[in-house]
């Protein structure tokens, strides 16, 4: 990584840069809502199961966090503007 790019101001709120937003949240929703749930307790159980599944899938989490560096570079190249569909 080229350290001449750092430090620079961090975007106030950029969901395209957060692994939780661009990866984990969608993965969690897919695991929780892939079947219709009838009760609140069933939903709570599915959320806990999905969190355990994600926590135990280290390789996918590693890929998501490594992607952060590429996304941050794309954001920097776009001058802090929209970069999601620019790659």
C-alpha atoms as a PDB file:
ATOM      1  CA  UNK A   1       0.000   0.000   0.000  1.00  0.00           C
ATOM      2  CA  UNK A   2       1.300   3.403  -0.904  1.00  0.00           C
ATOM      3  CA  UNK A   3       1.636   5.306   2.381  1.00  0.00           C
ATOM      4  CA  UNK A   4       1.745   8.644   0.544  1.00  0.00           C
ATOM      5  CA  UNK A   5      -2.039   8.371   0.301  1.00  0.00           C
ATOM      6  CA  UNK A   6      -2.372   8.320   4.083  1.00  0.00           C
ATOM      7  CA  UNK A   7      -3.459   9.932   6.286  1.00  0.00           C
ATOM      8  CA  UNK A   8      -6.452  11.557   4.708  1.00  0.00           C
ATOM      9  CA  UNK A   9      -9.932  12.423   5.916  1.00  0.00           C
ATOM     10  CA  UNK A  10     -12.245   9.486   6.366  1.00  0.00           C
ATOM     11  CA  UNK A  11     -15.694   9.789   4.768  1.00  0.00           C
ATOM     12  CA  UNK A  12     -18.284  10.682   7.402  1.00  0.00           C
ATOM     13  CA  UNK A  13     -20.461   7.665   6.599  1.00  0.00           C
ATOM     14  CA  UNK A  14     -19.581   5.487   3.662  1.00  0.00           C
ATOM     15  CA  UNK A  15     -21.400   2.127   3.585  1.00  0.00           C
ATOM     16  CA  UNK A  16     -19.374   1.178   0.530  1.00  0.00           C
ATOM     17  CA  UNK A  17     -16.285   1.088   2.743  1.00  0.00           C
ATOM     18  CA  UNK A  18     -17.606  -0.896   5.704  1.00  0.00           C
ATOM     19  CA  UNK A  19     -17.311  -4.707   5.446  1.00  0.00           C
ATOM     20  CA  UNK A  20     -20.351  -4.917   7.686  1.00  0.00           C
ATOM     21  CA  UNK A  21     -22.410  -2.983   5.155  1.00  0.00           C
ATOM     22  CA  UNK A  22     -21.113  -4.326   1.846  1.00  0.00           C
ATOM     23  CA  UNK A  23     -20.759  -7.955   2.913  1.00  0.00           C
ATOM     24  CA  UNK A  24     -21.808  -9.147   6.344  1.00  0.00           C
ATOM     25  CA  UNK A  25     -25.239  -7.500   6.577  1.00  0.00           C
ATOM     26  CA  UNK A  26     -26.411  -9.018   3.281  1.00  0.00           C
ATOM     27  CA  UNK A  27     -24.984 -12.397   4.247  1.00  0.00           C
ATOM     28  CA  UNK A  28     -26.783 -12.225   7.618  1.00  0.00           C
ATOM     29  CA  UNK A  29     -30.111 -11.311   6.008  1.00  0.00           C
ATOM     30  CA  UNK A  30     -29.758 -14.143   3.511  1.00  0.00           C
ATOM     31  CA  UNK A  31     -29.183 -16.662   6.305  1.00  0.00           C
ATOM     32  CA  UNK A  32     -31.982 -15.338   8.520  1.00  0.00           C
ATOM     33  CA  UNK A  33     -34.703 -14.841   5.919  1.00  0.00           C
ATOM     34  CA  UNK A  34     -34.110 -17.793   3.571  1.00  0.00           C
ATOM     35  CA  UNK A  35     -37.219 -19.400   5.079  1.00  0.00           C
ATOM     36  CA  UNK A  36     -40.378 -17.761   6.376  1.00  0.00           C
ATOM     37  CA  UNK A  37     -40.409 -17.419  10.146  1.00  0.00           C
ATOM     38  CA  UNK A  38     -43.599 -17.715  12.165  1.00  0.00           C
ATOM     39  CA  UNK A  39     -42.604 -16.356  15.558  1.00  0.00           C
ATOM     40  CA  UNK A  40     -40.410 -13.759  17.157  1.00  0.00           C
ATOM     41  CA  UNK A  41     -38.527 -16.499  19.006  1.00  0.00           C
ATOM     42  CA  UNK A  42     -37.824 -18.275  15.713  1.00  0.00           C
ATOM     43  CA  UNK A  43     -36.470 -15.008  14.288  1.00  0.00           C
ATOM     44  CA  UNK A  44     -34.252 -14.471  17.331  1.00  0.00           C
ATOM     45  CA  UNK A  45     -32.942 -18.041  17.051  1.00  0.00           C
ATOM     46  CA  UNK A  46     -32.205 -17.612  13.344  1.00  0.00           C
ATOM     47  CA  UNK A  47     -30.324 -14.375  14.030  1.00  0.00           C
ATOM     48  CA  UNK A  48     -28.152 -16.093  16.647  1.00  0.00           C
ATOM     49  CA  UNK A  49     -27.541 -19.078  14.349  1.00  0.00           C
ATOM     50  CA  UNK A  50     -26.604 -16.779  11.464  1.00  0.00           C
ATOM     51  CA  UNK A  51     -24.199 -14.824  13.694  1.00  0.00           C
ATOM     52  CA  UNK A  52     -22.540 -18.088  14.760  1.00  0.00           C
ATOM     53  CA  UNK A  53     -22.300 -19.230  11.145  1.00  0.00           C
ATOM     54  CA  UNK A  54     -20.671 -15.959  10.069  1.00  0.00           C
ATOM     55  CA  UNK A  55     -18.328 -15.931  13.050  1.00  0.00           C
ATOM     56  CA  UNK A  56     -17.160 -19.451  12.205  1.00  0.00           C
ATOM     57  CA  UNK A  57     -16.580 -18.773   8.502  1.00  0.00           C
ATOM     58  CA  UNK A  58     -13.175 -17.156   8.855  1.00  0.00           C
ATOM     59  CA  UNK A  59     -12.172 -17.329   5.182  1.00  0.00           C
ATOM     60  CA  UNK A  60     -15.195 -15.388   3.962  1.00  0.00           C
ATOM     61  CA  UNK A  61     -14.669 -12.773   6.670  1.00  0.00           C
ATOM     62  CA  UNK A  62     -11.004 -12.502   5.707  1.00  0.00           C
ATOM     63  CA  UNK A  63     -11.950 -11.894   2.050  1.00  0.00           C
ATOM     64  CA  UNK A  64     -14.450  -9.226   3.103  1.00  0.00           C
ATOM     65  CA  UNK A  65     -11.931  -7.345   5.203  1.00  0.00           C
ATOM     66  CA  UNK A  66      -9.216  -7.629   2.561  1.00  0.00           C
ATOM     67  CA  UNK A  67     -11.621  -6.111   0.044  1.00  0.00           C
ATOM     68  CA  UNK A  68     -11.701  -3.034   2.263  1.00  0.00           C
ATOM     69  CA  UNK A  69      -8.273  -1.936   1.022  1.00  0.00           C
ATOM     70  CA  UNK A  70      -9.399  -2.057  -2.608  1.00  0.00           C
ATOM     71  CA  UNK A  71     -12.598  -0.191  -1.792  1.00  0.00           C
ATOM     72  CA  UNK A  72     -10.720   2.488   0.158  1.00  0.00           C
ATOM     73  CA  UNK A  73      -8.321   2.986  -2.787  1.00  0.00           C
ATOM     74  CA  UNK A  74     -11.285   3.278  -5.183  1.00  0.00           C
ATOM     75  CA  UNK A  75     -12.910   5.852  -2.890  1.00  0.00           C
ATOM     76  CA  UNK A  76      -9.659   7.824  -2.755  1.00  0.00           C
ATOM     77  CA  UNK A  77      -9.288   7.666  -6.564  1.00  0.00           C
ATOM     78  CA  UNK A  78     -12.845   8.992  -6.896  1.00  0.00           C
ATOM     79  CA  UNK A  79     -11.983  11.925  -4.644  1.00  0.00           C
ATOM     80  CA  UNK A  80     -14.319  10.623  -1.981  1.00  0.00           C
ATOM     81  CA  UNK A  81     -17.208  10.448  -4.440  1.00  0.00           C
ATOM     82  CA  UNK A  82     -19.222   7.532  -5.750  1.00  0.00           C
ATOM     83  CA  UNK A  83     -17.022   4.634  -6.756  1.00  0.00           C
ATOM     84  CA  UNK A  84     -19.151   1.483  -6.400  1.00  0.00           C
ATOM     85  CA  UNK A  85     -19.849   1.032 -10.123  1.00  0.00           C
ATOM     86  CA  UNK A  86     -16.570   2.569 -11.240  1.00  0.00           C
ATOM     87  CA  UNK A  87     -14.444  -0.577 -10.905  1.00  0.00           C
END
